[in-house]
N, C-alpha and C. Protein backbone atom coordinates (compact mmCIF):
# COMPACT_ATOMS: atom_id res chain seq x y z
N MET A 1 0.67 -1.18 0.11
CA MET A 1 0.38 0.32 0.24
C MET A 1 0.41 1.10 -0.14
N LYS A 2 0.95 1.87 -0.87
CA LYS A 2 1.84 3.50 -1.18
C LYS A 2 0.64 4.26 -0.43
N HIS A 3 1.53 5.08 0.63
CA HIS A 3 1.13 6.47 0.98
C HIS A 3 1.19 7.82 0.47
N ASN A 4 0.26 8.79 0.38
CA ASN A 4 0.63 9.73 0.10
C ASN A 4 1.95 10.80 0.75
N SER A 5 2.88 10.62 0.08
CA SER A 5 3.55 11.62 0.95
C SER A 5 3.43 13.19 0.93
N ILE A 6 2.89 13.59 0.96
CA ILE A 6 2.31 15.63 0.43
C ILE A 6 1.31 15.05 2.09
N ALA A 7 0.66 14.20 1.28
CA ALA A 7 -0.64 14.08 3.04
C ALA A 7 -0.27 13.36 5.35
N VAL A 8 1.48 12.37 4.47
CA VAL A 8 1.79 12.13 5.78
C VAL A 8 2.08 13.01 6.22
N ALA A 9 3.20 13.61 5.09
CA ALA A 9 4.14 14.92 6.19
C ALA A 9 3.85 15.95 6.43
N ASN A 10 1.81 16.51 6.19
CA ASN A 10 1.17 17.54 6.56
C ASN A 10 0.01 16.83 7.86
N ALA A 11 0.03 15.79 7.89
CA ALA A 11 0.09 15.28 9.24
C ALA A 11 0.63 15.09 9.93
N PHE A 12 2.29 14.42 10.04
CA PHE A 12 3.17 14.84 11.43
C PHE A 12 3.73 15.77 11.54
N ALA A 13 3.49 17.38 10.75
CA ALA A 13 3.53 18.26 11.15
C ALA A 13 2.09 18.63 11.79
N ALA A 14 1.32 18.88 11.70
CA ALA A 14 0.28 18.87 12.47
C ALA A 14 0.20 18.46 13.43
N THR A 15 0.45 17.26 13.66
CA THR A 15 0.41 16.28 14.60
C THR A 15 1.59 17.35 16.07
N ILE A 16 2.32 17.70 14.97
CA ILE A 16 3.81 18.20 16.02
C ILE A 16 3.38 19.54 16.79
N GLY A 17 2.56 20.26 15.50
CA GLY A 17 2.50 21.68 15.83
C GLY A 17 1.27 22.09 17.20
N ILE A 18 0.70 20.81 16.86
CA ILE A 18 -0.66 20.56 18.85
C ILE A 18 -0.01 19.76 19.79
N PHE A 19 0.88 19.43 19.56
CA PHE A 19 2.04 19.27 20.68
C PHE A 19 3.15 20.26 20.83
N TYR A 20 3.77 20.64 20.37
CA TYR A 20 4.04 21.79 20.34
C TYR A 20 3.20 23.01 21.66
N ILE A 21 2.18 23.56 20.93
CA ILE A 21 1.39 24.29 21.93
C ILE A 21 1.04 23.68 22.48
N GLY A 22 0.54 22.74 22.86
CA GLY A 22 -0.05 21.87 24.12
C GLY A 22 1.26 22.08 25.26
N CYS A 23 2.47 21.61 24.64
CA CYS A 23 3.39 21.68 25.98
C CYS A 23 3.55 23.04 26.71
N ARG A 24 4.03 23.93 25.11
CA ARG A 24 3.50 25.14 25.82
C ARG A 24 3.12 25.31 26.97
N LEU A 25 1.73 25.41 26.87
CA LEU A 25 0.23 25.39 27.62
C LEU A 25 0.99 25.05 29.08
N LEU A 26 1.45 23.86 29.02
CA LEU A 26 1.32 23.68 29.88
C LEU A 26 2.60 23.87 30.66
N VAL A 27 3.65 24.49 30.07
CA VAL A 27 5.19 25.11 31.02
C VAL A 27 4.06 26.29 31.27
N GLY A 28 3.75 26.84 30.86
CA GLY A 28 3.17 28.63 31.47
C GLY A 28 1.94 27.87 32.20
N LEU A 29 1.39 26.73 32.68
CA LEU A 29 0.86 26.73 34.09
C LEU A 29 0.98 25.87 34.89
N PHE A 30 2.43 24.83 34.18
CA PHE A 30 2.78 24.23 35.05
C PHE A 30 4.40 24.15 35.40
N PRO A 31 5.44 25.34 35.68
CA PRO A 31 6.74 25.78 35.05
C PRO A 31 7.37 24.15 35.46
N ASP A 32 6.75 23.95 37.65
CA ASP A 32 8.05 23.20 38.04
C ASP A 32 7.85 21.93 38.03
N LEU A 33 6.28 21.30 37.80
CA LEU A 33 6.08 20.17 37.16
C LEU A 33 6.91 20.01 35.85
N MET A 34 6.62 20.63 34.79
CA MET A 34 6.64 20.39 33.23
C MET A 34 8.91 20.77 33.36
N PHE A 35 9.33 21.38 33.94
CA PHE A 35 10.92 21.12 34.39
C PHE A 35 11.36 19.85 34.65
N SER A 36 10.45 19.45 36.14
CA SER A 36 10.98 17.87 36.61
C SER A 36 10.74 16.71 35.26
N ILE A 37 9.73 16.76 34.95
CA ILE A 37 9.58 16.12 33.93
C ILE A 37 10.76 16.16 32.29
N ALA A 38 10.84 17.36 32.08
CA ALA A 38 12.24 17.43 31.05
C ALA A 38 13.66 16.68 31.29
N GLN A 39 13.40 17.60 33.16
CA GLN A 39 14.77 16.63 33.55
C GLN A 39 14.76 15.49 33.36
N SER A 40 13.62 14.45 33.94
CA SER A 40 13.39 13.64 33.19
C SER A 40 13.76 12.14 32.58
N TRP A 41 13.38 13.27 31.31
CA TRP A 41 13.56 13.11 29.76
C TRP A 41 14.65 13.09 29.30
N PHE A 42 15.83 14.08 30.03
CA PHE A 42 17.31 14.03 29.44
C PHE A 42 18.15 13.51 30.89
N HIS A 43 17.53 12.19 31.39
CA HIS A 43 18.20 11.20 32.30
C HIS A 43 19.39 11.81 33.39
N GLY A 44 18.28 12.82 34.18
CA GLY A 44 18.55 13.21 35.40
C GLY A 44 19.33 14.27 35.19
N ILE A 45 20.44 14.80 33.79
CA ILE A 45 20.91 16.25 34.05
C ILE A 45 20.47 17.24 34.58
N GLU A 46 21.35 17.99 35.15
CA GLU A 46 20.89 18.48 36.58
C GLU A 46 20.84 20.60 35.11
N LEU A 47 19.17 20.35 34.87
CA LEU A 47 19.07 21.51 33.91
C LEU A 47 18.79 22.98 34.86
N THR A 48 19.04 22.79 35.60
CA THR A 48 18.76 24.08 36.69
C THR A 48 20.36 25.16 36.08
N LYS A 49 21.44 24.37 35.88
CA LYS A 49 22.79 25.01 35.46
C LYS A 49 22.21 25.73 34.31
N LEU A 50 21.44 25.87 33.52
CA LEU A 50 20.67 26.67 31.66
C LEU A 50 19.95 27.53 31.93
N GLY A 51 19.25 27.61 33.35
CA GLY A 51 18.91 29.21 33.51
C GLY A 51 17.10 28.89 33.57
N THR A 52 16.54 29.70 33.50
CA THR A 52 15.10 29.73 33.63
C THR A 52 14.18 29.52 32.61
N TRP A 53 13.32 29.33 32.37
CA TRP A 53 12.20 29.37 31.01
C TRP A 53 12.48 30.53 30.72
N ASN A 54 12.02 30.30 29.53
CA ASN A 54 12.22 31.87 28.58
C ASN A 54 10.84 31.76 27.64
N LEU A 55 9.72 32.27 28.17
CA LEU A 55 7.93 32.15 28.18
C LEU A 55 8.03 33.23 26.88
N SER A 56 8.84 33.65 26.14
CA SER A 56 8.53 34.74 25.38
C SER A 56 7.68 34.42 24.25
N MET A 57 6.94 34.87 23.44
CA MET A 57 6.36 34.98 22.07
C MET A 57 7.34 34.59 21.10
N ALA A 58 8.43 35.03 21.30
CA ALA A 58 9.32 35.05 20.11
C ALA A 58 10.18 33.90 19.88
N THR A 59 10.90 33.23 21.14
CA THR A 59 11.29 32.31 21.08
C THR A 59 9.36 30.97 21.32
N PHE A 60 8.48 31.34 21.35
CA PHE A 60 7.26 30.56 21.37
C PHE A 60 7.18 30.37 19.76
N LEU A 61 7.62 31.54 18.97
CA LEU A 61 6.77 31.34 17.34
C LEU A 61 8.38 30.54 16.95
N VAL A 62 9.56 30.94 17.06
CA VAL A 62 10.29 30.08 16.39
C VAL A 62 10.57 28.43 16.54
N GLY A 63 10.28 28.69 18.02
CA GLY A 63 10.04 26.97 18.19
C GLY A 63 9.04 26.20 17.65
N LEU A 64 7.55 27.10 17.64
CA LEU A 64 6.67 26.30 16.56
C LEU A 64 7.53 26.11 15.32
N ILE A 65 7.47 27.38 14.45
CA ILE A 65 7.99 27.18 12.97
C ILE A 65 8.90 26.10 12.76
N SER A 66 9.94 26.59 13.76
CA SER A 66 10.93 25.21 13.16
C SER A 66 10.58 24.03 13.35
N SER A 67 10.27 23.45 14.38
CA SER A 67 9.50 22.14 14.85
C SER A 67 8.12 21.05 13.97
N VAL A 68 7.72 22.08 13.23
CA VAL A 68 6.80 21.78 12.56
C VAL A 68 6.84 21.84 11.13
N ILE A 69 8.09 22.52 10.10
CA ILE A 69 8.92 22.23 9.84
C ILE A 69 10.39 20.47 9.19
N PHE A 70 10.46 21.12 10.73
CA PHE A 70 11.17 19.83 11.15
C PHE A 70 10.26 18.32 10.88
N ALA A 71 9.22 18.51 11.11
CA ALA A 71 8.14 17.40 11.15
C ALA A 71 7.43 17.08 10.13
N TRP A 72 7.75 17.81 9.53
CA TRP A 72 7.41 17.90 8.13
C TRP A 72 7.96 17.44 6.85
N VAL A 73 9.61 17.66 7.12
CA VAL A 73 10.65 16.87 6.62
C VAL A 73 10.67 15.53 7.15
N THR A 74 11.19 15.28 8.26
CA THR A 74 11.04 13.65 8.74
C THR A 74 10.08 13.22 8.32
N GLY A 75 8.47 13.75 8.35
CA GLY A 75 7.22 12.69 7.69
C GLY A 75 7.45 12.71 5.90
N TYR A 76 8.06 13.72 5.19
CA TYR A 76 8.11 13.21 4.09
C TYR A 76 9.14 12.42 3.58
N ILE A 77 10.25 12.30 4.41
CA ILE A 77 11.55 11.14 4.12
C ILE A 77 10.73 9.72 4.59
N PHE A 78 10.15 9.83 6.05
CA PHE A 78 9.81 8.80 6.60
C PHE A 78 8.98 7.82 5.84
N VAL A 79 7.84 8.80 4.29
CA VAL A 79 6.89 8.26 3.51
C VAL A 79 7.23 7.60 2.74
N THR A 80 8.23 8.71 2.38
CA THR A 80 9.39 7.90 1.46
C THR A 80 9.82 7.17 1.14
N VAL A 81 10.73 6.85 1.81
CA VAL A 81 11.47 5.55 2.23
C VAL A 81 10.49 4.62 2.75
N TYR A 82 9.63 4.45 3.08
CA TYR A 82 7.76 3.41 3.37
C TYR A 82 7.81 2.78 1.74
N ASN A 83 7.65 4.31 1.00
CA ASN A 83 6.89 3.04 -0.25
C ASN A 83 7.79 2.66 -0.77
N TYR A 84 9.25 3.31 -0.61
CA TYR A 84 10.08 2.65 -1.25
C TYR A 84 10.22 1.02 -0.62
N PHE A 85 10.42 0.64 0.11
CA PHE A 85 10.17 -0.26 0.60
C PHE A 85 9.41 -1.54 1.03
N ASN A 86 7.99 -0.45 0.62
CA ASN A 86 6.80 -1.84 0.79
C ASN A 86 6.66 -2.06 -0.91
N ARG A 87 7.65 -1.73 -1.26
CA ARG A 87 7.19 -2.09 -3.40
C ARG A 87 6.96 -3.49 -3.23
């Protein structure tokens, strides 16, 4: 079964965009909890030495746009490789 590369890339990018916005909202509402979760995802690395959260609109937009673009490219490459191996 061949998948449409553009549709899969769009779906993956939209999903990452939704997750990014959700994560940003959680960081704004529960900064200490989210900091603890982030630290656990990085195997306990001492994140407090990096400083505090920077929740400006500019960093939000740069993060959102760059993560969605990265997700779109990743989705496109994934489905292209999938279709190749699925022949």
